Amino acid sequence: MRCVVFSAGWSVRVWNTATEYTFEAVYEDMAELIRLGAYKAGTNVEVDMATKVYPKLEAFLTQKKEERATLADGYAELEAIMAELGSGS
């Protein structure tokens, strides 16, 4: 799986180039079912990947006022999130 990360304003998109979707879009489409616990893991591979990466991307995008990070740090953190997704862990 090849993922491309790009920023549009305040939003960071992670795009799966193999199937042409964003994890954000997949997660948001199923968000209500996921929050209610009605989505059963294993039903849809794309949703499973999105539920794994979405909270990590949300955490990545949340920065407290006192936190500091370089651009290189940011890219390294995104790379770690995507590597974890790709490894299936």
PDB file of N, CA and C in Angstrom:
ATOM      1  N   MET A   1       0.854  -1.177   0.000  1.00  0.00           N
ATOM      2  CA  MET A   1       0.000   0.000   0.000  1.00  0.00           C
ATOM      3  C   MET A   1       0.894   1.231   0.000  1.00  0.00           C
ATOM      4  N   ARG A   2       0.632   2.135  -0.895  1.00  0.00           N
ATOM      5  CA  ARG A   2       1.371   3.389  -0.953  1.00  0.00           C
ATOM      6  C   ARG A   2       0.452   4.505  -0.513  1.00  0.00           C
ATOM      7  N   CYS A   3       0.881   5.259   0.495  1.00  0.00           N
ATOM      8  CA  CYS A   3       0.072   6.354   0.997  1.00  0.00           C
ATOM      9  C   CYS A   3       0.780   7.669   0.744  1.00  0.00           C
ATOM     10  N   VAL A   4       0.008   8.661   0.397  1.00  0.00           N
ATOM     11  CA  VAL A   4       0.525  10.000   0.181  1.00  0.00           C
ATOM     12  C   VAL A   4      -0.122  10.911   1.211  1.00  0.00           C
ATOM     13  N   VAL A   5       0.688  11.701   1.873  1.00  0.00           N
ATOM     14  CA  VAL A   5       0.186  12.637   2.869  1.00  0.00           C
ATOM     15  C   VAL A   5       0.311  14.036   2.296  1.00  0.00           C
ATOM     16  N   PHE A   6      -0.764  14.807   2.348  1.00  0.00           N
ATOM     17  CA  PHE A   6      -0.679  16.189   1.911  1.00  0.00           C
ATOM     18  C   PHE A   6      -1.559  17.049   2.791  1.00  0.00           C
ATOM     19  N   SER A   7      -1.239  18.296   2.826  1.00  0.00           N
ATOM     20  CA  SER A   7      -1.951  19.228   3.693  1.00  0.00           C
ATOM     21  C   SER A   7      -2.761  20.189   2.839  1.00  0.00           C
ATOM     22  N   ALA A   8      -3.976  20.454   3.291  1.00  0.00           N
ATOM     23  CA  ALA A   8      -4.835  21.433   2.626  1.00  0.00           C
ATOM     24  C   ALA A   8      -5.412  22.331   3.713  1.00  0.00           C
ATOM     25  N   GLY A   9      -4.809  23.476   3.886  1.00  0.00           N
ATOM     26  CA  GLY A   9      -5.237  24.344   4.977  1.00  0.00           C
ATOM     27  C   GLY A   9      -4.885  23.720   6.312  1.00  0.00           C
ATOM     28  N   TRP A  10      -5.868  23.557   7.171  1.00  0.00           N
ATOM     29  CA  TRP A  10      -5.635  22.957   8.482  1.00  0.00           C
ATOM     30  C   TRP A  10      -5.816  21.450   8.457  1.00  0.00           C
ATOM     31  N   SER A  11      -6.148  20.887   7.322  1.00  0.00           N
ATOM     32  CA  SER A  11      -6.462  19.470   7.235  1.00  0.00           C
ATOM     33  C   SER A  11      -5.311  18.703   6.600  1.00  0.00           C
ATOM     34  N   VAL A  12      -4.979  17.578   7.171  1.00  0.00           N
ATOM     35  CA  VAL A  12      -3.987  16.683   6.581  1.00  0.00           C
ATOM     36  C   VAL A  12      -4.728  15.481   6.034  1.00  0.00           C
ATOM     37  N   ARG A  13      -4.487  15.155   4.802  1.00  0.00           N
ATOM     38  CA  ARG A  13      -5.134  14.016   4.167  1.00  0.00           C
ATOM     39  C   ARG A  13      -4.093  12.908   3.969  1.00  0.00           C
ATOM     40  N   VAL A  14      -4.495  11.715   4.235  1.00  0.00           N
ATOM     41  CA  VAL A  14      -3.662  10.558   3.936  1.00  0.00           C
ATOM     42  C   VAL A  14      -4.412   9.774   2.877  1.00  0.00           C
ATOM     43  N   TRP A  15      -3.842   9.705   1.720  1.00  0.00           N
ATOM     44  CA  TRP A  15      -4.494   9.152   0.551  1.00  0.00           C
ATOM     45  C   TRP A  15      -3.852   7.821   0.203  1.00  0.00           C
ATOM     46  N   ASN A  16      -4.660   6.780   0.112  1.00  0.00           N
ATOM     47  CA  ASN A  16      -4.183   5.475  -0.305  1.00  0.00           C
ATOM     48  C   ASN A  16      -4.218   5.461  -1.828  1.00  0.00           C
ATOM     49  N   THR A  17      -3.048   5.467  -2.440  1.00  0.00           N
ATOM     50  CA  THR A  17      -3.001   5.580  -3.896  1.00  0.00           C
ATOM     51  C   THR A  17      -3.437   4.302  -4.595  1.00  0.00           C
ATOM     52  N   ALA A  18      -3.447   3.181  -3.881  1.00  0.00           N
ATOM     53  CA  ALA A  18      -3.859   1.926  -4.505  1.00  0.00           C
ATOM     54  C   ALA A  18      -5.365   1.892  -4.738  1.00  0.00           C
ATOM     55  N   THR A  19      -6.141   2.403  -3.798  1.00  0.00           N
ATOM     56  CA  THR A  19      -7.590   2.324  -3.928  1.00  0.00           C
ATOM     57  C   THR A  19      -8.265   3.685  -4.023  1.00  0.00           C
ATOM     58  N   GLU A  20      -7.486   4.735  -3.979  1.00  0.00           N
ATOM     59  CA  GLU A  20      -7.961   6.097  -4.180  1.00  0.00           C
ATOM     60  C   GLU A  20      -9.062   6.522  -3.208  1.00  0.00           C
ATOM     61  N   TYR A  21      -8.751   6.507  -1.955  1.00  0.00           N
ATOM     62  CA  TYR A  21      -9.649   7.039  -0.945  1.00  0.00           C
ATOM     63  C   TYR A  21      -8.819   7.674   0.162  1.00  0.00           C
ATOM     64  N   THR A  22      -9.443   8.508   0.935  1.00  0.00           N
ATOM     65  CA  THR A  22      -8.762   9.026   2.112  1.00  0.00           C
ATOM     66  C   THR A  22      -9.291   8.269   3.317  1.00  0.00           C
ATOM     67  N   PHE A  23      -8.408   8.024   4.261  1.00  0.00           N
ATOM     68  CA  PHE A  23      -8.827   7.344   5.481  1.00  0.00           C
ATOM     69  C   PHE A  23      -9.881   8.171   6.205  1.00  0.00           C
ATOM     70  N   GLU A  24      -9.742   9.488   6.118  1.00  0.00           N
ATOM     71  CA  GLU A  24     -10.703  10.372   6.765  1.00  0.00           C
ATOM     72  C   GLU A  24     -12.103  10.170   6.183  1.00  0.00           C
ATOM     73  N   ALA A  25     -12.202  10.111   4.867  1.00  0.00           N
ATOM     74  CA  ALA A  25     -13.504   9.941   4.218  1.00  0.00           C
ATOM     75  C   ALA A  25     -14.132   8.600   4.586  1.00  0.00           C
ATOM     76  N   VAL A  26     -13.342   7.554   4.571  1.00  0.00           N
ATOM     77  CA  VAL A  26     -13.855   6.230   4.923  1.00  0.00           C
ATOM     78  C   VAL A  26     -14.337   6.220   6.368  1.00  0.00           C
ATOM     79  N   TYR A  27     -13.525   6.789   7.271  1.00  0.00           N
ATOM     80  CA  TYR A  27     -13.902   6.816   8.683  1.00  0.00           C
ATOM     81  C   TYR A  27     -15.178   7.634   8.886  1.00  0.00           C
ATOM     82  N   GLU A  28     -15.234   8.804   8.296  1.00  0.00           N
ATOM     83  CA  GLU A  28     -16.401   9.666   8.473  1.00  0.00           C
ATOM     84  C   GLU A  28     -17.670   9.020   7.927  1.00  0.00           C
ATOM     85  N   ASP A  29     -17.558   8.260   6.833  1.00  0.00           N
ATOM     86  CA  ASP A  29     -18.717   7.560   6.281  1.00  0.00           C
ATOM     87  C   ASP A  29     -19.288   6.549   7.278  1.00  0.00           C
ATOM     88  N   MET A  30     -18.421   5.955   8.088  1.00  0.00           N
ATOM     89  CA  MET A  30     -18.835   4.914   9.031  1.00  0.00           C
ATOM     90  C   MET A  30     -18.824   5.377  10.483  1.00  0.00           C
ATOM     91  N   ALA A  31     -18.551   6.649  10.727  1.00  0.00           N
ATOM     92  CA  ALA A  31     -18.330   7.159  12.084  1.00  0.00           C
ATOM     93  C   ALA A  31     -19.459   6.836  13.049  1.00  0.00           C
ATOM     94  N   GLU A  32     -20.681   7.008  12.625  1.00  0.00           N
ATOM     95  CA  GLU A  32     -21.802   6.760  13.542  1.00  0.00           C
ATOM     96  C   GLU A  32     -21.855   5.291  13.953  1.00  0.00           C
ATOM     97  N   LEU A  33     -21.705   4.399  12.984  1.00  0.00           N
ATOM     98  CA  LEU A  33     -21.704   2.970  13.312  1.00  0.00           C
ATOM     99  C   LEU A  33     -20.533   2.603  14.215  1.00  0.00           C
ATOM    100  N   ILE A  34     -19.372   3.206  13.949  1.00  0.00           N
ATOM    101  CA  ILE A  34     -18.185   2.932  14.757  1.00  0.00           C
ATOM    102  C   ILE A  34     -18.414   3.407  16.188  1.00  0.00           C
ATOM    103  N   ARG A  35     -18.888   4.644  16.354  1.00  0.00           N
ATOM    104  CA  ARG A  35     -19.120   5.197  17.701  1.00  0.00           C
ATOM    105  C   ARG A  35     -20.170   4.416  18.472  1.00  0.00           C
ATOM    106  N   LEU A  36     -21.185   3.918  17.781  1.00  0.00           N
ATOM    107  CA  LEU A  36     -22.235   3.144  18.431  1.00  0.00           C
ATOM    108  C   LEU A  36     -21.821   1.703  18.713  1.00  0.00           C
ATOM    109  N   GLY A  37     -20.679   1.306  18.155  1.00  0.00           N
ATOM    110  CA  GLY A  37     -20.229  -0.071  18.332  1.00  0.00           C
ATOM    111  C   GLY A  37     -20.933  -1.040  17.400  1.00  0.00           C
ATOM    112  N   ALA A  38     -21.618  -0.522  16.395  1.00  0.00           N
ATOM    113  CA  ALA A  38     -22.371  -1.359  15.463  1.00  0.00           C
ATOM    114  C   ALA A  38     -21.503  -1.894  14.319  1.00  0.00           C
ATOM    115  N   TYR A  39     -20.336  -1.299  14.130  1.00  0.00           N
ATOM    116  CA  TYR A  39     -19.443  -1.795  13.073  1.00  0.00           C
ATOM    117  C   TYR A  39     -18.639  -2.962  13.622  1.00  0.00           C
ATOM    118  N   LYS A  40     -18.636  -4.067  12.907  1.00  0.00           N
ATOM    119  CA  LYS A  40     -17.890  -5.260  13.323  1.00  0.00           C
ATOM    120  C   LYS A  40     -16.570  -5.311  12.559  1.00  0.00           C
ATOM    121  N   ALA A  41     -15.467  -5.288  13.299  1.00  0.00           N
ATOM    122  CA  ALA A  41     -14.133  -5.348  12.676  1.00  0.00           C
ATOM    123  C   ALA A  41     -14.035  -6.579  11.779  1.00  0.00           C
ATOM    124  N   GLY A  42     -13.386  -6.388  10.640  1.00  0.00           N
ATOM    125  CA  GLY A  42     -13.212  -7.469   9.684  1.00  0.00           C
ATOM    126  C   GLY A  42     -14.247  -7.468   8.576  1.00  0.00           C
ATOM    127  N   THR A  43     -15.262  -6.628   8.716  1.00  0.00           N
ATOM    128  CA  THR A  43     -16.316  -6.543   7.717  1.00  0.00           C
ATOM    129  C   THR A  43     -15.826  -5.849   6.446  1.00  0.00           C
ATOM    130  N   ASN A  44     -14.972  -4.830   6.606  1.00  0.00           N
ATOM    131  CA  ASN A  44     -14.487  -4.044   5.475  1.00  0.00           C
ATOM    132  C   ASN A  44     -13.037  -3.639   5.750  1.00  0.00           C
ATOM    133  N   VAL A  45     -12.132  -4.060   4.886  1.00  0.00           N
ATOM    134  CA  VAL A  45     -10.702  -3.807   5.080  1.00  0.00           C
ATOM    135  C   VAL A  45     -10.402  -2.311   5.131  1.00  0.00           C
ATOM    136  N   GLU A  46     -11.022  -1.529   4.261  1.00  0.00           N
ATOM    137  CA  GLU A  46     -10.769  -0.084   4.232  1.00  0.00           C
ATOM    138  C   GLU A  46     -11.218   0.571   5.535  1.00  0.00           C
ATOM    139  N   VAL A  47     -12.366   0.175   6.042  1.00  0.00           N
ATOM    140  CA  VAL A  47     -12.859   0.732   7.303  1.00  0.00           C
ATOM    141  C   VAL A  47     -11.962   0.291   8.456  1.00  0.00           C
ATOM    142  N   ASP A  48     -11.512  -0.943   8.432  1.00  0.00           N
ATOM    143  CA  ASP A  48     -10.597  -1.424   9.481  1.00  0.00           C
ATOM    144  C   ASP A  48      -9.316  -0.590   9.508  1.00  0.00           C
ATOM    145  N   MET A  49      -8.763  -0.316   8.320  1.00  0.00           N
ATOM    146  CA  MET A  49      -7.555   0.512   8.263  1.00  0.00           C
ATOM    147  C   MET A  49      -7.848   1.927   8.738  1.00  0.00           C
ATOM    148  N   ALA A  50      -8.981   2.464   8.327  1.00  0.00           N
ATOM    149  CA  ALA A  50      -9.348   3.829   8.725  1.00  0.00           C
ATOM    150  C   ALA A  50      -9.545   3.937  10.235  1.00  0.00           C
ATOM    151  N   THR A  51     -10.184   2.938  10.849  1.00  0.00           N
ATOM    152  CA  THR A  51     -10.391   2.994  12.297  1.00  0.00           C
ATOM    153  C   THR A  51      -9.076   2.877  13.051  1.00  0.00           C
ATOM    154  N   LYS A  52      -8.102   2.258  12.426  1.00  0.00           N
ATOM    155  CA  LYS A  52      -6.779   2.140  13.055  1.00  0.00           C
ATOM    156  C   LYS A  52      -5.995   3.444  12.959  1.00  0.00           C
ATOM    157  N   VAL A  53      -6.027   4.090  11.803  1.00  0.00           N
ATOM    158  CA  VAL A  53      -5.186   5.265  11.576  1.00  0.00           C
ATOM    159  C   VAL A  53      -5.847   6.578  11.996  1.00  0.00           C
ATOM    160  N   TYR A  54      -7.173   6.660  11.921  1.00  0.00           N
ATOM    161  CA  TYR A  54      -7.867   7.920  12.184  1.00  0.00           C
ATOM    162  C   TYR A  54      -7.557   8.504  13.566  1.00  0.00           C
ATOM    163  N   PRO A  55      -7.669   7.744  14.655  1.00  0.00           N
ATOM    164  CA  PRO A  55      -7.359   8.321  15.969  1.00  0.00           C
ATOM    165  C   PRO A  55      -5.906   8.787  16.090  1.00  0.00           C
ATOM    166  N   LYS A  56      -5.010   8.082  15.434  1.00  0.00           N
ATOM    167  CA  LYS A  56      -3.591   8.468  15.479  1.00  0.00           C
ATOM    168  C   LYS A  56      -3.359   9.762  14.705  1.00  0.00           C
ATOM    169  N   LEU A  57      -4.050   9.924  13.581  1.00  0.00           N
ATOM    170  CA  LEU A  57      -3.931  11.170  12.823  1.00  0.00           C
ATOM    171  C   LEU A  57      -4.563  12.333  13.575  1.00  0.00           C
ATOM    172  N   GLU A  58      -5.693  12.079  14.232  1.00  0.00           N
ATOM    173  CA  GLU A  58      -6.323  13.122  15.048  1.00  0.00           C
ATOM    174  C   GLU A  58      -5.374  13.565  16.161  1.00  0.00           C
ATOM    175  N   ALA A  59      -4.733  12.604  16.821  1.00  0.00           N
ATOM    176  CA  ALA A  59      -3.777  12.925  17.884  1.00  0.00           C
ATOM    177  C   ALA A  59      -2.586  13.696  17.323  1.00  0.00           C
ATOM    178  N   PHE A  60      -2.132  13.297  16.139  1.00  0.00           N
ATOM    179  CA  PHE A  60      -1.019  13.979  15.487  1.00  0.00           C
ATOM    180  C   PHE A  60      -1.361  15.447  15.201  1.00  0.00           C
ATOM    181  N   LEU A  61      -2.602  15.693  14.789  1.00  0.00           N
ATOM    182  CA  LEU A  61      -3.023  17.041  14.431  1.00  0.00           C
ATOM    183  C   LEU A  61      -3.336  17.922  15.637  1.00  0.00           C
ATOM    184  N   THR A  62      -3.396  17.337  16.806  1.00  0.00           N
ATOM    185  CA  THR A  62      -3.681  18.079  18.029  1.00  0.00           C
ATOM    186  C   THR A  62      -2.368  18.499  18.665  1.00  0.00           C
ATOM    187  N   GLN A  63      -2.177  19.782  18.806  1.00  0.00           N
ATOM    188  CA  GLN A  63      -0.939  20.292  19.380  1.00  0.00           C
ATOM    189  C   GLN A  63      -1.277  21.324  20.440  1.00  0.00           C
ATOM    190  N   LYS A  64      -0.733  21.102  21.632  1.00  0.00           N
ATOM    191  CA  LYS A  64      -0.938  22.070  22.702  1.00  0.00           C
ATOM    192  C   LYS A  64      -0.087  23.301  22.456  1.00  0.00           C
ATOM    193  N   LYS A  65      -0.492  24.395  23.058  1.00  0.00           N
ATOM    194  CA  LYS A  65       0.204  25.662  22.859  1.00  0.00           C
ATOM    195  C   LYS A  65       1.692  25.569  23.194  1.00  0.00           C
ATOM    196  N   GLU A  66       2.016  24.805  24.226  1.00  0.00           N
ATOM    197  CA  GLU A  66       3.406  24.736  24.682  1.00  0.00           C
ATOM    198  C   GLU A  66       4.239  23.691  23.922  1.00  0.00           C
ATOM    199  N   GLU A  67       3.615  22.891  23.083  1.00  0.00           N
ATOM    200  CA  GLU A  67       4.342  21.873  22.331  1.00  0.00           C
ATOM    201  C   GLU A  67       5.048  22.498  21.121  1.00  0.00           C
ATOM    202  N   ARG A  68       6.220  21.999  20.837  1.00  0.00           N
ATOM    203  CA  ARG A  68       6.996  22.458  19.686  1.00  0.00           C
ATOM    204  C   ARG A  68       7.476  21.245  18.895  1.00  0.00           C
ATOM    205  N   ALA A  69       7.474  21.382  17.583  1.00  0.00           N
ATOM    206  CA  ALA A  69       7.968  20.317  16.716  1.00  0.00           C
ATOM    207  C   ALA A  69       8.495  20.938  15.439  1.00  0.00           C
ATOM    208  N   THR A  70       9.539  20.344  14.918  1.00  0.00           N
ATOM    209  CA  THR A  70      10.078  20.788  13.638  1.00  0.00           C
ATOM    210  C   THR A  70       9.312  20.093  12.513  1.00  0.00           C
ATOM    211  N   LEU A  71       9.476  20.580  11.309  1.00  0.00           N
ATOM    212  CA  LEU A  71       8.856  19.947  10.155  1.00  0.00           C
ATOM    213  C   LEU A  71       9.353  18.505  10.028  1.00  0.00           C
ATOM    214  N   ALA A  72      10.638  18.305  10.248  1.00  0.00           N
ATOM    215  CA  ALA A  72      11.214  16.956  10.175  1.00  0.00           C
ATOM    216  C   ALA A  72      10.578  16.035  11.214  1.00  0.00           C
ATOM    217  N   ASP A  73      10.346  16.563  12.425  1.00  0.00           N
ATOM    218  CA  ASP A  73       9.684  15.771  13.466  1.00  0.00           C
ATOM    219  C   ASP A  73       8.279  15.372  13.023  1.00  0.00           C
ATOM    220  N   GLY A  74       7.584  16.310  12.420  1.00  0.00           N
ATOM    221  CA  GLY A  74       6.232  16.037  11.950  1.00  0.00           C
ATOM    222  C   GLY A  74       6.203  14.955  10.893  1.00  0.00           C
ATOM    223  N   TYR A  75       7.101  15.048   9.922  1.00  0.00           N
ATOM    224  CA  TYR A  75       7.163  14.021   8.889  1.00  0.00           C
ATOM    225  C   TYR A  75       7.549  12.673   9.469  1.00  0.00           C
ATOM    226  N   ALA A  76       8.462  12.660  10.429  1.00  0.00           N
ATOM    227  CA  ALA A  76       8.871  11.405  11.066  1.00  0.00           C
ATOM    228  C   ALA A  76       7.694  10.768  11.807  1.00  0.00           C
ATOM    229  N   GLU A  77       6.900  11.581  12.488  1.00  0.00           N
ATOM    230  CA  GLU A  77       5.741  11.053  13.208  1.00  0.00           C
ATOM    231  C   GLU A  77       4.705  10.494  12.236  1.00  0.00           C
ATOM    232  N   LEU A  78       4.444  11.214  11.142  1.00  0.00           N
ATOM    233  CA  LEU A  78       3.506  10.703  10.129  1.00  0.00           C
ATOM    234  C   LEU A  78       4.018   9.408   9.508  1.00  0.00           C
ATOM    235  N   GLU A  79       5.309   9.346   9.259  1.00  0.00           N
ATOM    236  CA  GLU A  79       5.892   8.137   8.696  1.00  0.00           C
ATOM    237  C   GLU A  79       5.711   6.958   9.645  1.00  0.00           C
ATOM    238  N   ALA A  80       5.886   7.201  10.950  1.00  0.00           N
ATOM    239  CA  ALA A  80       5.711   6.140  11.941  1.00  0.00           C
ATOM    240  C   ALA A  80       4.257   5.660  11.980  1.00  0.00           C
ATOM    241  N   ILE A  81       3.309   6.587  11.886  1.00  0.00           N
ATOM    242  CA  ILE A  81       1.895   6.216  11.875  1.00  0.00           C
ATOM    243  C   ILE A  81       1.593   5.345  10.658  1.00  0.00           C
ATOM    244  N   MET A  82       2.076   5.749   9.494  1.00  0.00           N
ATOM    245  CA  MET A  82       1.819   4.987   8.276  1.00  0.00           C
ATOM    246  C   MET A  82       2.540   3.654   8.266  1.00  0.00           C
ATOM    247  N   ALA A  83       3.758   3.617   8.822  1.00  0.00           N
ATOM    248  CA  ALA A  83       4.507   2.361   8.889  1.00  0.00           C
ATOM    249  C   ALA A  83       3.770   1.360   9.777  1.00  0.00           C
ATOM    250  N   GLU A  84       3.215   1.845  10.871  1.00  0.00           N
ATOM    251  CA  GLU A  84       2.458   0.991  11.776  1.00  0.00           C
ATOM    252  C   GLU A  84       1.229   0.430  11.070  1.00  0.00           C
ATOM    253  N   LEU A  85       0.586   1.250  10.287  1.00  0.00           N
ATOM    254  CA  LEU A  85      -0.593   0.815   9.536  1.00  0.00           C
ATOM    255  C   LEU A  85      -0.195  -0.247   8.512  1.00  0.00           C
ATOM    256  N   GLY A  86       0.901  -0.002   7.815  1.00  0.00           N
ATOM    257  CA  GLY A  86       1.366  -0.933   6.793  1.00  0.00           C
ATOM    258  C   GLY A  86       1.828  -2.265   7.344  1.00  0.00           C
ATOM    259  N   SER A  87       2.314  -2.252   8.606  1.00  0.00           N
ATOM    260  CA  SER A  87       2.809  -3.488   9.194  1.00  0.00           C
ATOM    261  C   SER A  87       1.692  -4.336   9.792  1.00  0.00           C
ATOM    262  N   GLY A  88       0.500  -3.732   9.882  1.00  0.00           N
ATOM    263  CA  GLY A  88      -0.626  -4.476  10.426  1.00  0.00           C
ATOM    264  C   GLY A  88      -0.640  -4.521  11.938  1.00  0.00           C
ATOM    265  N   SER A  89       0.205  -3.712  12.602  1.00  0.00           N
ATOM    266  CA  SER A  89       0.207  -3.741  14.073  1.00  0.00           C
ATOM    267  C   SER A  89      -0.628  -2.633  14.643  1.00  0.00           C
TER     268      SER A  89
END
